[in-house]
Amino acid sequence: LVQAMGMSGISKSQVSKLCEDIDER
Protein backbone atom coordinates (compact mmCIF):
# COMPACT_ATOMS: atom_id res chain seq x y z
CA LEU A 1 0.00 0.00 0.00
CA VAL A 2 2.81 2.41 0.89
CA GLN A 3 4.59 1.72 -2.39
CA ALA A 4 1.35 2.22 -4.30
CA MET A 5 1.19 5.71 -2.75
CA GLY A 6 4.47 6.51 -4.49
CA MET A 7 6.69 6.13 -1.43
CA SER A 8 9.41 3.69 -0.53
CA GLY A 9 8.45 0.44 1.17
CA ILE A 10 8.12 0.05 4.89
CA SER A 11 9.32 -2.85 7.01
CA LYS A 12 7.30 -4.89 9.47
CA SER A 13 9.22 -3.38 12.37
CA GLN A 14 8.47 0.14 11.11
CA VAL A 15 4.77 -0.67 10.80
CA SER A 16 4.74 -1.98 14.35
CA LYS A 17 6.50 1.12 15.68
CA LEU A 18 4.06 3.40 13.91
CA CYS A 19 1.12 1.39 15.19
CA GLU A 20 2.32 1.73 18.77
CA ASP A 21 0.72 5.18 18.68
CA ILE A 22 -2.62 3.39 18.80
CA ASP A 23 -1.72 1.84 22.16
CA GLU A 24 -2.36 5.00 24.16
CA ARG A 25 -5.91 5.33 22.81
PDB file of all heavy atoms in Angstrom:
ATOM      1  N   LEU A   1       0.826  -1.202   0.000  1.00  0.00           N
ATOM      2  CA  LEU A   1       0.000   0.000   0.000  1.00  0.00           C
ATOM      3  C   LEU A   1       0.864   1.258   0.000  1.00  0.00           C
ATOM      4  O   LEU A   1       0.614   2.204  -0.753  1.00  0.00           O
ATOM      5  CB  LEU A   1      -0.913  -0.012   1.231  1.00  0.00           C
ATOM      6  CG  LEU A   1      -1.754   1.242   1.495  1.00  0.00           C
ATOM      7  CD1 LEU A   1      -2.744   1.467   0.367  1.00  0.00           C
ATOM      8  CD2 LEU A   1      -2.479   1.129   2.828  1.00  0.00           C
ATOM      9  N   VAL A   2       1.906   1.257   0.815  1.00  0.00           N
ATOM     10  CA  VAL A   2       2.807   2.409   0.893  1.00  0.00           C
ATOM     11  C   VAL A   2       3.487   2.648  -0.455  1.00  0.00           C
ATOM     12  O   VAL A   2       3.594   3.779  -0.917  1.00  0.00           O
ATOM     13  CB  VAL A   2       3.846   2.194   2.008  1.00  0.00           C
ATOM     14  CG1 VAL A   2       4.917   3.275   1.964  1.00  0.00           C
ATOM     15  CG2 VAL A   2       3.162   2.174   3.361  1.00  0.00           C
ATOM     16  N   GLN A   3       3.938   1.566  -1.088  1.00  0.00           N
ATOM     17  CA  GLN A   3       4.592   1.718  -2.388  1.00  0.00           C
ATOM     18  C   GLN A   3       3.605   2.207  -3.444  1.00  0.00           C
ATOM     19  O   GLN A   3       3.973   2.972  -4.340  1.00  0.00           O
ATOM     20  CB  GLN A   3       5.221   0.389  -2.803  1.00  0.00           C
ATOM     21  CG  GLN A   3       6.364  -0.046  -1.900  1.00  0.00           C
ATOM     22  CD  GLN A   3       7.088  -1.263  -2.438  1.00  0.00           C
ATOM     23  OE1 GLN A   3       7.313  -1.382  -3.636  1.00  0.00           O
ATOM     24  NE2 GLN A   3       7.465  -2.168  -1.546  1.00  0.00           N
ATOM     25  N   ALA A   4       2.358   1.771  -3.342  1.00  0.00           N
ATOM     26  CA  ALA A   4       1.347   2.222  -4.302  1.00  0.00           C
ATOM     27  C   ALA A   4       1.080   3.722  -4.170  1.00  0.00           C
ATOM     28  O   ALA A   4       0.632   4.373  -5.116  1.00  0.00           O
ATOM     29  CB  ALA A   4       0.048   1.445  -4.097  1.00  0.00           C
ATOM     30  N   MET A   5       1.369   4.273  -2.972  1.00  0.00           N
ATOM     31  CA  MET A   5       1.187   5.708  -2.748  1.00  0.00           C
ATOM     32  C   MET A   5       2.371   6.508  -3.256  1.00  0.00           C
ATOM     33  O   MET A   5       2.434   7.725  -3.071  1.00  0.00           O
ATOM     34  CB  MET A   5       0.973   5.978  -1.256  1.00  0.00           C
ATOM     35  CG  MET A   5      -0.308   5.372  -0.703  1.00  0.00           C
ATOM     36  SD  MET A   5      -0.415   5.471   1.102  1.00  0.00           S
ATOM     37  CE  MET A   5      -0.499   7.244   1.329  1.00  0.00           C
ATOM     38  N   GLY A   6       3.332   5.818  -3.906  1.00  0.00           N
ATOM     39  CA  GLY A   6       4.473   6.514  -4.492  1.00  0.00           C
ATOM     40  C   GLY A   6       5.623   6.708  -3.540  1.00  0.00           C
ATOM     41  O   GLY A   6       6.528   7.499  -3.811  1.00  0.00           O
ATOM     42  N   MET A   7       5.621   5.989  -2.407  1.00  0.00           N
ATOM     43  CA  MET A   7       6.688   6.126  -1.429  1.00  0.00           C
ATOM     44  C   MET A   7       7.460   4.828  -1.331  1.00  0.00           C
ATOM     45  O   MET A   7       7.025   3.803  -1.836  1.00  0.00           O
ATOM     46  CB  MET A   7       6.102   6.518  -0.078  1.00  0.00           C
ATOM     47  CG  MET A   7       5.574   7.944  -0.054  1.00  0.00           C
ATOM     48  SD  MET A   7       4.584   8.278   1.412  1.00  0.00           S
ATOM     49  CE  MET A   7       2.952   7.918   0.764  1.00  0.00           C
ATOM     50  N   SER A   8       8.609   4.899  -0.686  1.00  0.00           N
ATOM     51  CA  SER A   8       9.407   3.690  -0.531  1.00  0.00           C
ATOM     52  C   SER A   8       8.706   2.730   0.410  1.00  0.00           C
ATOM     53  O   SER A   8       7.841   3.114   1.186  1.00  0.00           O
ATOM     54  CB  SER A   8      10.792   4.052   0.019  1.00  0.00           C
ATOM     55  OG  SER A   8      10.669   4.694   1.271  1.00  0.00           O
ATOM     56  N   GLY A   9       9.094   1.451   0.347  1.00  0.00           N
ATOM     57  CA  GLY A   9       8.449   0.435   1.172  1.00  0.00           C
ATOM     58  C   GLY A   9       8.706   0.654   2.650  1.00  0.00           C
ATOM     59  O   GLY A   9       9.529   1.474   3.056  1.00  0.00           O
ATOM     60  N   ILE A  10       8.000  -0.083   3.452  1.00  0.00           N
ATOM     61  CA  ILE A  10       8.117   0.052   4.893  1.00  0.00           C
ATOM     62  C   ILE A  10       8.193  -1.345   5.498  1.00  0.00           C
ATOM     63  O   ILE A  10       7.486  -2.253   5.068  1.00  0.00           O
ATOM     64  CB  ILE A  10       6.915   0.840   5.465  1.00  0.00           C
ATOM     65  CG1 ILE A  10       7.112   1.120   6.949  1.00  0.00           C
ATOM     66  CG2 ILE A  10       5.603   0.129   5.220  1.00  0.00           C
ATOM     67  CD1 ILE A  10       6.134   2.164   7.476  1.00  0.00           C
ATOM     68  N   SER A  11       9.090  -1.529   6.444  1.00  0.00           N
ATOM     69  CA  SER A  11       9.315  -2.847   7.006  1.00  0.00           C
ATOM     70  C   SER A  11       8.275  -3.183   8.062  1.00  0.00           C
ATOM     71  O   SER A  11       7.558  -2.312   8.545  1.00  0.00           O
ATOM     72  CB  SER A  11      10.714  -2.909   7.644  1.00  0.00           C
ATOM     73  OG  SER A  11      10.762  -2.075   8.787  1.00  0.00           O
ATOM     74  N   LYS A  12       8.234  -4.466   8.436  1.00  0.00           N
ATOM     75  CA  LYS A  12       7.296  -4.892   9.475  1.00  0.00           C
ATOM     76  C   LYS A  12       7.583  -4.188  10.790  1.00  0.00           C
ATOM     77  O   LYS A  12       6.666  -3.793  11.510  1.00  0.00           O
ATOM     78  CB  LYS A  12       7.378  -6.403   9.660  1.00  0.00           C
ATOM     79  CG  LYS A  12       6.793  -7.214   8.520  1.00  0.00           C
ATOM     80  CD  LYS A  12       6.767  -8.687   8.873  1.00  0.00           C
ATOM     81  CE  LYS A  12       6.108  -9.502   7.769  1.00  0.00           C
ATOM     82  NZ  LYS A  12       5.993 -10.927   8.119  1.00  0.00           N
ATOM     83  N   SER A  13       8.875  -4.027  11.104  1.00  0.00           N
ATOM     84  CA  SER A  13       9.221  -3.379  12.368  1.00  0.00           C
ATOM     85  C   SER A  13       8.790  -1.915  12.364  1.00  0.00           C
ATOM     86  O   SER A  13       8.328  -1.382  13.379  1.00  0.00           O
ATOM     87  CB  SER A  13      10.724  -3.473  12.620  1.00  0.00           C
ATOM     88  OG  SER A  13      11.453  -2.831  11.585  1.00  0.00           O
ATOM     89  N   GLN A  14       8.899  -1.252  11.209  1.00  0.00           N
ATOM     90  CA  GLN A  14       8.473   0.136  11.114  1.00  0.00           C
ATOM     91  C   GLN A  14       6.960   0.263  11.265  1.00  0.00           C
ATOM     92  O   GLN A  14       6.465   1.186  11.908  1.00  0.00           O
ATOM     93  CB  GLN A  14       8.927   0.731   9.775  1.00  0.00           C
ATOM     94  CG  GLN A  14      10.419   0.961   9.685  1.00  0.00           C
ATOM     95  CD  GLN A  14      10.843   1.378   8.291  1.00  0.00           C
ATOM     96  OE1 GLN A  14      10.403   0.819   7.297  1.00  0.00           O
ATOM     97  NE2 GLN A  14      11.701   2.373   8.221  1.00  0.00           N
ATOM     98  N   VAL A  15       6.236  -0.677  10.651  1.00  0.00           N
ATOM     99  CA  VAL A  15       4.774  -0.667  10.800  1.00  0.00           C
ATOM    100  C   VAL A  15       4.403  -0.821  12.268  1.00  0.00           C
ATOM    101  O   VAL A  15       3.556  -0.095  12.790  1.00  0.00           O
ATOM    102  CB  VAL A  15       4.134  -1.799   9.969  1.00  0.00           C
ATOM    103  CG1 VAL A  15       2.656  -1.919  10.294  1.00  0.00           C
ATOM    104  CG2 VAL A  15       4.318  -1.536   8.478  1.00  0.00           C
ATOM    105  N   SER A  16       5.056  -1.747  12.944  1.00  0.00           N
ATOM    106  CA  SER A  16       4.744  -1.984  14.349  1.00  0.00           C
ATOM    107  C   SER A  16       5.037  -0.756  15.198  1.00  0.00           C
ATOM    108  O   SER A  16       4.270  -0.412  16.098  1.00  0.00           O
ATOM    109  CB  SER A  16       5.537  -3.186  14.867  1.00  0.00           C
ATOM    110  OG  SER A  16       5.154  -4.358  14.186  1.00  0.00           O
ATOM    111  N   LYS A  17       6.169  -0.080  14.913  1.00  0.00           N
ATOM    112  CA  LYS A  17       6.501   1.122  15.681  1.00  0.00           C
ATOM    113  C   LYS A  17       5.476   2.228  15.456  1.00  0.00           C
ATOM    114  O   LYS A  17       5.075   2.925  16.383  1.00  0.00           O
ATOM    115  CB  LYS A  17       7.902   1.610  15.290  1.00  0.00           C
ATOM    116  CG  LYS A  17       9.022   0.725  15.812  1.00  0.00           C
ATOM    117  CD  LYS A  17      10.379   1.249  15.390  1.00  0.00           C
ATOM    118  CE  LYS A  17      11.486   0.343  15.914  1.00  0.00           C
ATOM    119  NZ  LYS A  17      12.834   0.810  15.478  1.00  0.00           N
ATOM    120  N   LEU A  18       5.060   2.385  14.202  1.00  0.00           N
ATOM    121  CA  LEU A  18       4.059   3.405  13.909  1.00  0.00           C
ATOM    122  C   LEU A  18       2.734   3.088  14.591  1.00  0.00           C
ATOM    123  O   LEU A  18       2.032   3.968  15.092  1.00  0.00           O
ATOM    124  CB  LEU A  18       3.858   3.513  12.392  1.00  0.00           C
ATOM    125  CG  LEU A  18       5.008   4.156  11.614  1.00  0.00           C
ATOM    126  CD1 LEU A  18       4.771   3.994  10.116  1.00  0.00           C
ATOM    127  CD2 LEU A  18       5.147   5.624  11.948  1.00  0.00           C
ATOM    128  N   CYS A  19       2.403   1.797  14.618  1.00  0.00           N
ATOM    129  CA  CYS A  19       1.123   1.390  15.192  1.00  0.00           C
ATOM    130  C   CYS A  19       1.110   1.456  16.709  1.00  0.00           C
ATOM    131  O   CYS A  19       0.044   1.378  17.325  1.00  0.00           O
ATOM    132  CB  CYS A  19       0.763  -0.025  14.735  1.00  0.00           C
ATOM    133  SG  CYS A  19       0.337  -0.109  12.983  1.00  0.00           S
ATOM    134  N   GLU A  20       2.282   1.600  17.320  1.00  0.00           N
ATOM    135  CA  GLU A  20       2.318   1.727  18.772  1.00  0.00           C
ATOM    136  C   GLU A  20       1.612   3.000  19.235  1.00  0.00           C
ATOM    137  O   GLU A  20       1.225   3.111  20.400  1.00  0.00           O
ATOM    138  CB  GLU A  20       3.758   1.699  19.266  1.00  0.00           C
ATOM    139  CG  GLU A  20       4.375   0.302  19.205  1.00  0.00           C
ATOM    140  CD  GLU A  20       5.845   0.299  19.566  1.00  0.00           C
ATOM    141  OE1 GLU A  20       6.366   1.386  19.895  1.00  0.00           O
ATOM    142  OE2 GLU A  20       6.458  -0.774  19.517  1.00  0.00           O
ATOM    143  N   ASP A  21       1.449   3.959  18.329  1.00  0.00           N
ATOM    144  CA  ASP A  21       0.720   5.180  18.683  1.00  0.00           C
ATOM    145  C   ASP A  21      -0.734   4.876  19.016  1.00  0.00           C
ATOM    146  O   ASP A  21      -1.401   5.645  19.709  1.00  0.00           O
ATOM    147  CB  ASP A  21       0.786   6.192  17.529  1.00  0.00           C
ATOM    148  CG  ASP A  21       2.192   6.733  17.319  1.00  0.00           C
ATOM    149  OD1 ASP A  21       2.996   6.642  18.273  1.00  0.00           O
ATOM    150  OD2 ASP A  21       2.481   7.237  16.221  1.00  0.00           O
ATOM    151  N   ILE A  22      -1.235   3.764  18.512  1.00  0.00           N
ATOM    152  CA  ILE A  22      -2.618   3.388  18.801  1.00  0.00           C
ATOM    153  C   ILE A  22      -2.752   2.944  20.256  1.00  0.00           C
ATOM    154  O   ILE A  22      -3.819   3.069  20.857  1.00  0.00           O
ATOM    155  CB  ILE A  22      -3.064   2.237  17.869  1.00  0.00           C
ATOM    156  CG1 ILE A  22      -2.914   2.641  16.405  1.00  0.00           C
ATOM    157  CG2 ILE A  22      -4.499   1.823  18.163  1.00  0.00           C
ATOM    158  CD1 ILE A  22      -3.225   1.525  15.434  1.00  0.00           C
ATOM    159  N   ASP A  23      -1.660   2.437  20.828  1.00  0.00           N
ATOM    160  CA  ASP A  23      -1.723   1.843  22.163  1.00  0.00           C
ATOM    161  C   ASP A  23      -2.297   2.789  23.205  1.00  0.00           C
ATOM    162  O   ASP A  23      -3.070   2.369  24.071  1.00  0.00           O
ATOM    163  CB  ASP A  23      -0.338   1.372  22.598  1.00  0.00           C
ATOM    164  CG  ASP A  23       0.134   0.158  21.821  1.00  0.00           C
ATOM    165  OD1 ASP A  23      -0.708  -0.447  21.124  1.00  0.00           O
ATOM    166  OD2 ASP A  23       1.323  -0.171  21.882  1.00  0.00           O
ATOM    167  N   GLU A  24      -1.899   4.045  23.146  1.00  0.00           N
ATOM    168  CA  GLU A  24      -2.362   5.002  24.156  1.00  0.00           C
ATOM    169  C   GLU A  24      -3.879   5.122  24.132  1.00  0.00           C
ATOM    170  O   GLU A  24      -4.533   5.098  25.184  1.00  0.00           O
ATOM    171  CB  GLU A  24      -1.717   6.363  23.920  1.00  0.00           C
ATOM    172  CG  GLU A  24      -2.101   7.394  24.981  1.00  0.00           C
ATOM    173  CD  GLU A  24      -1.396   8.723  24.785  1.00  0.00           C
ATOM    174  OE1 GLU A  24      -0.530   8.826  23.883  1.00  0.00           O
ATOM    175  OE2 GLU A  24      -1.708   9.671  25.526  1.00  0.00           O
ATOM    176  N   ARG A  25      -4.453   5.216  22.915  1.00  0.00           N
ATOM    177  CA  ARG A  25      -5.913   5.328  22.811  1.00  0.00           C
ATOM    178  C   ARG A  25      -6.594   4.033  23.240  1.00  0.00           C
ATOM    179  O   ARG A  25      -7.603   4.062  23.955  1.00  0.00           O
ATOM    180  CB  ARG A  25      -6.303   5.666  21.373  1.00  0.00           C
ATOM    181  CG  ARG A  25      -6.072   7.119  20.988  1.00  0.00           C
ATOM    182  CD  ARG A  25      -6.388   7.333  19.515  1.00  0.00           C
ATOM    183  NE  ARG A  25      -5.356   6.775  18.661  1.00  0.00           N
ATOM    184  CZ  ARG A  25      -5.514   6.518  17.373  1.00  0.00           C
ATOM    185  NH1 ARG A  25      -6.683   6.711  16.806  1.00  0.00           N
ATOM    186  NH2 ARG A  25      -4.520   6.042  16.655  1.00  0.00           N
TER     187      ARG A  25
END
